[in-house]
């Protein structure tokens, strides 16, 4: 690994640096020797706790501490960063765009503005950066199965979050190409905790099923025996991102980041239940029935039903590049049990984690 004493590497901007992936990506970039602008809302209120979190993951805290700078950024006003602090932006050579509104049952108009319009505005802004060499964004693994629908129908079928992410994914590819910006699209599946410690800061998504199991509120397994909800450890995603700029072959390419040997959902629930010390349900309820049930009878938000699929994903290029990067050992699910323990020990976020909210609030990380 490159020593952090090499200070001539580029400056990297990370939007959404306070989200789950961002919190692991920032120290991973610092460990590679990069200077990082960690962009988030209200950085002055978060700086002390954020730096403490990051420094616990640094290989050489004293040498790399000065390489991190927190900057104010909001998807409601993406242009403010470049107008308010132009001297910081000039040396930026790569942008990792992680910021997004992530929650269920969001309002369509607000979510489209944040996840689609603001992302395109960000692209327009960074196109003027004189040293920019790459734009990398986090999409989602379900872009592989995007329905052939117009925007209105997509929002009606999938809900605000998932529809907006699929729309943003297509339009960012188009706009980056039109602007001549080299890009890379990363499409992670459900991201779980660290492969070694199990630590996490996110309690929405697959974590909600773990919570339902613990509280004995999951009477049946949603989907069928072939339902596949792939997982990936957050540190694999972060380390893959942090090394990406060293590989020109990744320019204008897409990578699905997931463990394709994740057990099918019924076996996965058994694994969760064993760690929790509870019984997992055995019988299944098909998705077509769930789609017809009133919302109050569903195990979670109606928007989660689109993730209950039997689709499989080609990750051959991800595996090949991870092997070259020396991080292939982080891809398999090495520590699902540690992640489950982390969720339980934190009360599934009951104490409140900055930037992550359950319910219908607009969460912009």
Protein backbone atom coordinates (compact mmCIF):
# COMPACT_ATOMS: atom_id res chain seq x y z
CA UNK A 1 0.00 0.00 0.00
CA UNK A 2 1.18 3.48 -0.81
CA UNK A 3 2.66 5.28 2.17
CA UNK A 4 0.69 8.33 3.38
CA UNK A 5 3.96 10.24 3.58
CA UNK A 6 3.69 10.68 -0.22
CA UNK A 7 1.85 13.99 -0.22
CA UNK A 8 1.79 14.64 -3.96
CA UNK A 9 -1.31 12.61 -4.70
CA UNK A 10 -4.48 14.40 -5.84
CA UNK A 11 -7.11 16.17 -3.83
CA UNK A 12 -10.33 14.15 -3.71
CA UNK A 13 -13.80 15.55 -3.05
CA UNK A 14 -16.22 13.16 -1.35
CA UNK A 15 -19.86 14.25 -1.20
CA UNK A 16 -22.03 12.52 1.37
CA UNK A 17 -18.93 11.90 3.46
CA UNK A 18 -21.01 11.45 6.60
CA UNK A 19 -23.00 8.50 5.23
CA UNK A 20 -22.11 4.86 5.80
CA UNK A 21 -19.88 4.41 2.73
CA UNK A 22 -18.41 7.91 3.11
CA UNK A 23 -17.30 7.26 6.68
CA UNK A 24 -15.29 4.25 5.52
CA UNK A 25 -14.15 5.77 2.22
CA UNK A 26 -12.58 8.92 3.68
CA UNK A 27 -10.04 7.08 5.89
CA UNK A 28 -9.40 4.58 3.08
CA UNK A 29 -8.46 7.48 0.76
CA UNK A 30 -6.30 9.05 3.46
CA UNK A 31 -4.51 5.75 3.97
CA UNK A 32 -3.73 5.78 0.24
CA UNK A 33 -2.07 9.17 0.67
CA UNK A 34 -4.75 11.39 -0.85
CA UNK A 35 -5.84 14.77 0.45
CA UNK A 36 -9.59 14.63 1.09
CA UNK A 37 -12.32 17.25 1.15
CA UNK A 38 -15.12 15.59 3.12
CA UNK A 39 -18.29 17.38 2.02
CA UNK A 40 -21.35 17.27 4.26
CA UNK A 41 -24.03 19.38 5.86
CA UNK A 42 -23.15 21.32 9.02
CA UNK A 43 -19.49 20.23 9.15
CA UNK A 44 -18.67 22.58 12.01
CA UNK A 45 -21.12 20.72 14.25
CA UNK A 46 -19.86 17.30 13.22
CA UNK A 47 -16.12 17.89 12.91
CA UNK A 48 -14.90 16.68 16.31
CA UNK A 49 -16.89 13.43 16.30
CA UNK A 50 -16.23 12.85 12.60
CA UNK A 51 -12.48 13.27 12.90
CA UNK A 52 -12.43 10.95 15.90
CA UNK A 53 -14.29 8.30 13.87
CA UNK A 54 -11.97 8.68 10.88
CA UNK A 55 -8.77 8.66 12.92
CA UNK A 56 -9.67 5.31 14.46
CA UNK A 57 -9.39 3.85 10.97
CA UNK A 58 -6.16 5.58 9.92
CA UNK A 59 -2.90 3.70 9.66
CA UNK A 60 -0.83 6.78 10.52
CA UNK A 61 -3.14 9.32 12.25
CA UNK A 62 -0.45 11.88 13.01
CA UNK A 63 0.80 11.94 9.42
CA UNK A 64 -2.59 12.03 7.68
CA UNK A 65 -4.69 14.18 10.01
CA UNK A 66 -3.77 17.37 8.16
CA UNK A 67 -4.78 15.78 4.85
CA UNK A 68 -8.48 15.88 5.78
CA UNK A 69 -10.66 18.95 5.55
CA UNK A 70 -14.40 19.10 6.22
CA UNK A 71 -16.38 21.39 3.93
CA UNK A 72 -20.02 22.47 3.82
CA UNK A 73 -22.11 20.87 1.09
CA UNK A 74 -25.82 20.39 0.50
CA UNK A 75 -27.62 18.81 -2.43
CA UNK A 76 -30.21 21.55 -2.06
CA UNK A 77 -27.47 24.01 -3.15
CA UNK A 78 -24.66 22.01 -4.80
CA UNK A 79 -23.12 25.08 -6.42
CA UNK A 80 -22.37 26.77 -3.09
CA UNK A 81 -19.22 24.73 -2.46
CA UNK A 82 -17.61 25.98 -5.66
CA UNK A 83 -18.73 29.58 -5.20
CA UNK A 84 -17.93 29.90 -1.50
CA UNK A 85 -14.57 28.09 -1.44
CA UNK A 86 -13.09 28.23 -4.96
CA UNK A 87 -9.53 28.02 -3.67
CA UNK A 88 -10.29 24.58 -2.22
CA UNK A 89 -11.84 23.32 -5.43
CA UNK A 90 -9.10 24.20 -7.89
CA UNK A 91 -6.79 21.25 -7.08
CA UNK A 92 -9.58 18.62 -7.11
CA UNK A 93 -8.69 15.77 -9.43
CA UNK A 94 -11.48 13.33 -8.59
CA UNK A 95 -15.00 13.51 -7.16
CA UNK A 96 -16.73 10.65 -5.37
CA UNK A 97 -20.43 11.45 -5.39
CA UNK A 98 -22.13 9.55 -2.55
CA UNK A 99 -24.65 12.12 -1.32
CA UNK A 100 -28.29 11.17 -1.73
CA UNK A 101 -31.68 11.31 -0.10
CA UNK A 102 -32.03 7.81 1.36
CA UNK A 103 -35.22 6.77 3.14
CA UNK A 104 -38.53 5.15 2.28
CA UNK A 105 -41.76 6.99 1.47
CA UNK A 106 -40.09 10.24 0.46
CA UNK A 107 -41.88 12.92 -1.54
CA UNK A 108 -41.28 12.48 -5.24
CA UNK A 109 -40.60 16.14 -6.12
CA UNK A 110 -38.12 16.67 -3.29
CA UNK A 111 -36.32 13.40 -3.96
CA UNK A 112 -36.05 14.03 -7.70
CA UNK A 113 -34.57 17.46 -7.05
CA UNK A 114 -31.97 16.06 -4.66
CA UNK A 115 -31.03 12.75 -6.27
CA UNK A 116 -31.40 13.68 -9.94
CA UNK A 117 -31.33 17.43 -10.57
CA UNK A 118 -28.68 18.24 -7.96
CA UNK A 119 -26.43 15.43 -9.18
CA UNK A 120 -26.59 16.82 -12.71
CA UNK A 121 -25.89 20.32 -11.38
CA UNK A 122 -22.86 18.92 -9.56
CA UNK A 123 -21.58 17.47 -12.83
CA UNK A 124 -21.93 20.84 -14.51
CA UNK A 125 -19.97 22.48 -11.72
CA UNK A 126 -17.09 20.02 -11.67
CA UNK A 127 -16.77 20.09 -15.47
CA UNK A 128 -15.01 23.44 -14.97
CA UNK A 129 -12.41 22.10 -12.55
CA UNK A 130 -9.08 22.47 -14.34
CA UNK A 131 -7.46 19.33 -12.89
CA UNK A 132 -10.45 16.97 -12.86
CA UNK A 133 -9.62 13.47 -14.05
CA UNK A 134 -12.51 11.34 -12.80
CA UNK A 135 -16.09 11.43 -11.55
CA UNK A 136 -17.17 8.34 -9.59
CA UNK A 137 -20.66 7.90 -8.26
CA UNK A 138 -22.49 5.34 -6.18
CA UNK A 139 -25.62 3.99 -7.81
CA UNK A 140 -27.29 0.75 -6.80
CA UNK A 141 -27.24 -2.85 -7.93
CA UNK A 142 -30.87 -2.82 -9.11
CA UNK A 143 -29.99 -0.51 -12.02
CA UNK A 144 -29.26 -3.79 -13.84
CA UNK A 145 -32.97 -4.53 -13.96
CA UNK A 146 -34.42 -1.07 -14.59
CA UNK A 147 -37.98 -1.35 -15.97
CA UNK A 148 -38.53 0.21 -19.40
CA UNK A 149 -40.82 2.95 -18.09
CA UNK A 150 -40.96 6.72 -18.29
CA UNK A 151 -40.18 8.76 -15.17
CA UNK A 152 -43.77 9.09 -13.98
CA UNK A 153 -44.46 5.36 -14.29
CA UNK A 154 -41.14 4.51 -12.66
CA UNK A 155 -41.94 6.66 -9.62
CA UNK A 156 -45.38 5.06 -9.36
CA UNK A 157 -43.97 1.53 -9.55
CA UNK A 158 -40.84 1.83 -7.39
CA UNK A 159 -41.32 4.83 -5.11
CA UNK A 160 -39.27 7.99 -4.80
CA UNK A 161 -35.91 6.69 -3.62
CA UNK A 162 -35.33 3.77 -5.97
CA UNK A 163 -36.86 5.48 -9.01
CA UNK A 164 -34.77 8.61 -8.50
CA UNK A 165 -31.58 6.57 -8.21
CA UNK A 166 -32.30 4.70 -11.45
CA UNK A 167 -33.08 7.93 -13.29
CA UNK A 168 -29.98 9.66 -11.90
CA UNK A 169 -27.80 6.73 -12.91
CA UNK A 170 -28.81 6.94 -16.57
CA UNK A 171 -28.68 10.71 -16.79
CA UNK A 172 -25.31 11.03 -15.06
CA UNK A 173 -23.79 8.58 -17.53
CA UNK A 174 -25.22 10.58 -20.42
CA UNK A 175 -24.20 13.98 -19.05
CA UNK A 176 -20.71 12.94 -18.00
CA UNK A 177 -20.09 11.63 -21.51
CA UNK A 178 -21.50 14.80 -23.09
CA UNK A 179 -19.25 16.95 -20.88
CA UNK A 180 -16.21 14.81 -21.63
CA UNK A 181 -15.73 13.84 -17.96
CA UNK A 182 -14.15 10.41 -17.42
CA UNK A 183 -16.52 8.51 -15.14
CA UNK A 184 -16.95 5.28 -13.23
CA UNK A 185 -20.28 3.95 -11.92
CA UNK A 186 -20.25 1.76 -8.82
CA UNK A 187 -23.39 -0.20 -8.02
CA UNK A 188 -23.26 -1.74 -4.55
CA UNK A 189 -25.92 -4.05 -3.20
CA UNK A 190 -27.22 -3.79 0.37
CA UNK A 191 -24.19 -2.56 2.31
CA UNK A 192 -23.61 -4.16 5.70
CA UNK A 193 -21.01 -3.57 8.42
CA UNK A 194 -17.24 -3.85 8.42
CA UNK A 195 -15.88 -7.30 7.52
CA UNK A 196 -13.65 -7.36 10.59
CA UNK A 197 -15.45 -5.42 13.33
CA UNK A 198 -19.02 -5.62 12.04
CA UNK A 199 -19.41 -1.89 12.76
CA UNK A 200 -22.10 0.06 10.92
CA UNK A 201 -23.84 3.43 11.08
CA UNK A 202 -26.81 2.55 8.85
CA UNK A 203 -30.09 1.07 10.06
CA UNK A 204 -32.32 1.23 6.99
CA UNK A 205 -32.74 -1.46 4.35
CA UNK A 206 -31.73 -5.04 5.13
CA UNK A 207 -31.07 -4.00 8.75
CA UNK A 208 -34.81 -3.49 9.16
CA UNK A 209 -35.40 -7.20 8.48
CA UNK A 210 -32.90 -8.07 11.21
CA UNK A 211 -34.80 -5.81 13.58
CA UNK A 212 -38.11 -7.45 12.65
CA UNK A 213 -36.59 -10.86 13.33
CA UNK A 214 -35.33 -9.80 16.74
CA UNK A 215 -38.75 -8.43 17.69
CA UNK A 216 -40.48 -11.54 16.26
CA UNK A 217 -42.49 -9.47 13.81
CA UNK A 218 -41.54 -11.33 10.63
CA UNK A 219 -44.16 -14.05 10.34
CA UNK A 220 -43.28 -15.19 6.81
CA UNK A 221 -40.34 -14.93 4.44
CA UNK A 222 -41.07 -12.38 1.72
CA UNK A 223 -40.55 -13.75 -1.79
CA UNK A 224 -39.75 -17.36 -2.63
CA UNK A 225 -36.92 -19.86 -2.18
CA UNK A 226 -34.94 -18.24 -4.99
CA UNK A 227 -35.23 -14.64 -3.77
CA UNK A 228 -31.74 -13.13 -3.78
CA UNK A 229 -30.85 -10.03 -1.77
CA UNK A 230 -27.05 -9.77 -2.14
CA UNK A 231 -24.91 -8.11 0.50
CA UNK A 232 -21.48 -6.49 0.57
CA UNK A 233 -19.26 -5.32 3.42
CA UNK A 234 -18.76 -1.56 3.69
CA UNK A 235 -14.96 -1.84 3.91
CA UNK A 236 -14.82 -3.70 0.59
CA UNK A 237 -16.80 -0.91 -1.08
CA UNK A 238 -14.55 1.74 0.50
CA UNK A 239 -11.28 0.02 -0.37
CA UNK A 240 -12.42 -0.66 -3.95
CA UNK A 241 -13.27 3.03 -4.32
CA UNK A 242 -10.03 4.22 -2.74
CA UNK A 243 -7.87 2.25 -5.18
CA UNK A 244 -9.94 2.88 -8.30
CA UNK A 245 -8.02 5.94 -9.50
CA UNK A 246 -4.87 3.86 -9.91
CA UNK A 247 -6.51 1.77 -12.64
CA UNK A 248 -7.17 3.56 -15.93
CA UNK A 249 -9.03 0.48 -17.16
CA UNK A 250 -11.89 1.53 -14.85
CA UNK A 251 -12.55 4.76 -16.80
CA UNK A 252 -16.05 4.83 -18.33
CA UNK A 253 -16.81 1.44 -16.78
CA UNK A 254 -19.38 0.08 -14.36
CA UNK A 255 -18.88 -2.33 -11.47
CA UNK A 256 -21.42 -4.22 -9.41
CA UNK A 257 -20.15 -4.46 -5.84
CA UNK A 258 -21.72 -7.44 -4.13
CA UNK A 259 -20.98 -10.94 -2.95
CA UNK A 260 -22.60 -13.17 -5.56
CA UNK A 261 -22.35 -16.11 -3.14
CA UNK A 262 -24.68 -14.40 -0.64
CA UNK A 263 -27.17 -17.06 0.48
CA UNK A 264 -30.71 -16.78 -0.83
CA UNK A 265 -32.96 -14.75 1.43
CA UNK A 266 -34.46 -17.68 3.35
CA UNK A 267 -31.01 -19.04 4.24
CA UNK A 268 -29.80 -15.54 5.03
CA UNK A 269 -32.69 -15.05 7.47
CA UNK A 270 -31.78 -18.32 9.16
CA UNK A 271 -28.25 -17.01 9.63
CA UNK A 272 -29.52 -13.75 11.11
CA UNK A 273 -31.93 -15.57 13.40
CA UNK A 274 -29.26 -17.94 14.68
CA UNK A 275 -27.09 -15.01 15.70
CA UNK A 276 -30.06 -13.29 17.36
CA UNK A 277 -31.08 -16.46 19.19
CA UNK A 278 -34.59 -16.46 17.72
CA UNK A 279 -36.53 -18.66 15.32
CA UNK A 280 -36.74 -17.62 11.69
CA UNK A 281 -39.95 -18.06 9.70
CA UNK A 282 -40.09 -21.07 7.40
CA UNK A 283 -42.99 -20.37 5.06
CA UNK A 284 -42.92 -17.88 2.17
CA UNK A 285 -45.33 -15.22 1.00
CA UNK A 286 -45.01 -14.38 -2.73
CA UNK A 287 -44.27 -10.84 -3.83
CA UNK A 288 -47.45 -10.69 -5.91
CA UNK A 289 -49.48 -11.18 -2.74
CA UNK A 290 -47.46 -8.59 -0.84
CA UNK A 291 -48.06 -6.09 -3.63
CA UNK A 292 -51.81 -6.44 -3.08
CA UNK A 293 -51.79 -6.12 0.70
CA UNK A 294 -52.57 -2.82 2.45
CA UNK A 295 -49.45 -1.05 3.69
CA UNK A 296 -50.13 -1.73 7.37
CA UNK A 297 -49.89 -5.50 6.76
CA UNK A 298 -46.50 -5.34 5.02
CA UNK A 299 -43.26 -6.24 6.84
CA UNK A 300 -41.77 -2.89 5.75
CA UNK A 301 -42.26 -0.07 3.29
CA UNK A 302 -43.95 -1.01 0.01
CA UNK A 303 -40.87 0.41 -1.73
CA UNK A 304 -38.74 -2.50 -0.47
CA UNK A 305 -40.74 -5.00 -2.55
CA UNK A 306 -38.82 -4.15 -5.73
CA UNK A 307 -35.68 -5.56 -4.09
CA UNK A 308 -37.29 -9.00 -3.68
CA UNK A 309 -36.01 -10.47 -6.92
CA UNK A 310 -34.42 -13.66 -8.20
CA UNK A 311 -32.07 -11.69 -10.51
CA UNK A 312 -28.36 -12.49 -10.50
CA UNK A 313 -25.51 -10.15 -11.39
CA UNK A 314 -22.28 -10.43 -13.34
CA UNK A 315 -19.42 -9.29 -11.10
CA UNK A 316 -16.56 -10.85 -13.08
CA UNK A 317 -14.93 -7.47 -13.72
CA UNK A 318 -15.31 -6.54 -10.04
CA UNK A 319 -13.62 -9.75 -8.93
CA UNK A 320 -10.80 -9.35 -11.44
CA UNK A 321 -10.06 -5.77 -10.41
CA UNK A 322 -10.39 -6.55 -6.69
CA UNK A 323 -7.83 -9.32 -7.17
CA UNK A 324 -5.41 -6.87 -8.79
CA UNK A 325 -6.07 -4.39 -5.98
CA UNK A 326 -5.28 -7.02 -3.36
CA UNK A 327 -8.67 -6.74 -1.64
CA UNK A 328 -10.50 -9.81 -3.00
CA UNK A 329 -10.53 -11.30 0.52
CA UNK A 330 -12.89 -8.51 1.66
CA UNK A 331 -15.62 -9.38 -0.85
CA UNK A 332 -17.08 -12.57 0.68
CA UNK A 333 -19.41 -12.19 3.66
CA UNK A 334 -16.80 -12.72 6.35
CA UNK A 335 -18.68 -11.18 9.28
CA UNK A 336 -22.45 -11.10 8.97
CA UNK A 337 -22.67 -12.07 12.63
CA UNK A 338 -20.55 -9.11 13.74
CA UNK A 339 -22.82 -6.78 11.76
CA UNK A 340 -25.93 -8.23 13.41
CA UNK A 341 -24.29 -7.76 16.82
CA UNK A 342 -23.46 -4.15 15.93
CA UNK A 343 -27.07 -3.44 14.97
CA UNK A 344 -28.34 -4.90 18.23
CA UNK A 345 -25.75 -3.16 20.41
CA UNK A 346 -26.76 0.19 18.90
CA UNK A 347 -30.47 -0.48 19.32
CA UNK A 348 -30.89 -0.35 15.52
CA UNK A 349 -30.14 3.36 15.62
CA UNK A 350 -32.63 4.18 18.35
CA UNK A 351 -30.16 6.64 19.84
CA UNK A 352 -29.99 8.47 16.50
CA UNK A 353 -27.10 8.46 14.05
CA UNK A 354 -26.39 11.77 12.32
CA UNK A 355 -27.43 11.69 8.67
CA UNK A 356 -29.41 8.43 8.83
CA UNK A 357 -33.14 8.49 9.51
CA UNK A 358 -35.93 5.96 9.30
CA UNK A 359 -39.40 6.89 8.15
CA UNK A 360 -40.46 9.61 5.76
CA UNK A 361 -37.93 12.32 6.63
CA UNK A 362 -35.69 13.61 3.89
CA UNK A 363 -32.25 12.32 4.77
CA UNK A 364 -29.46 13.87 2.71
CA UNK A 365 -26.11 12.40 3.70
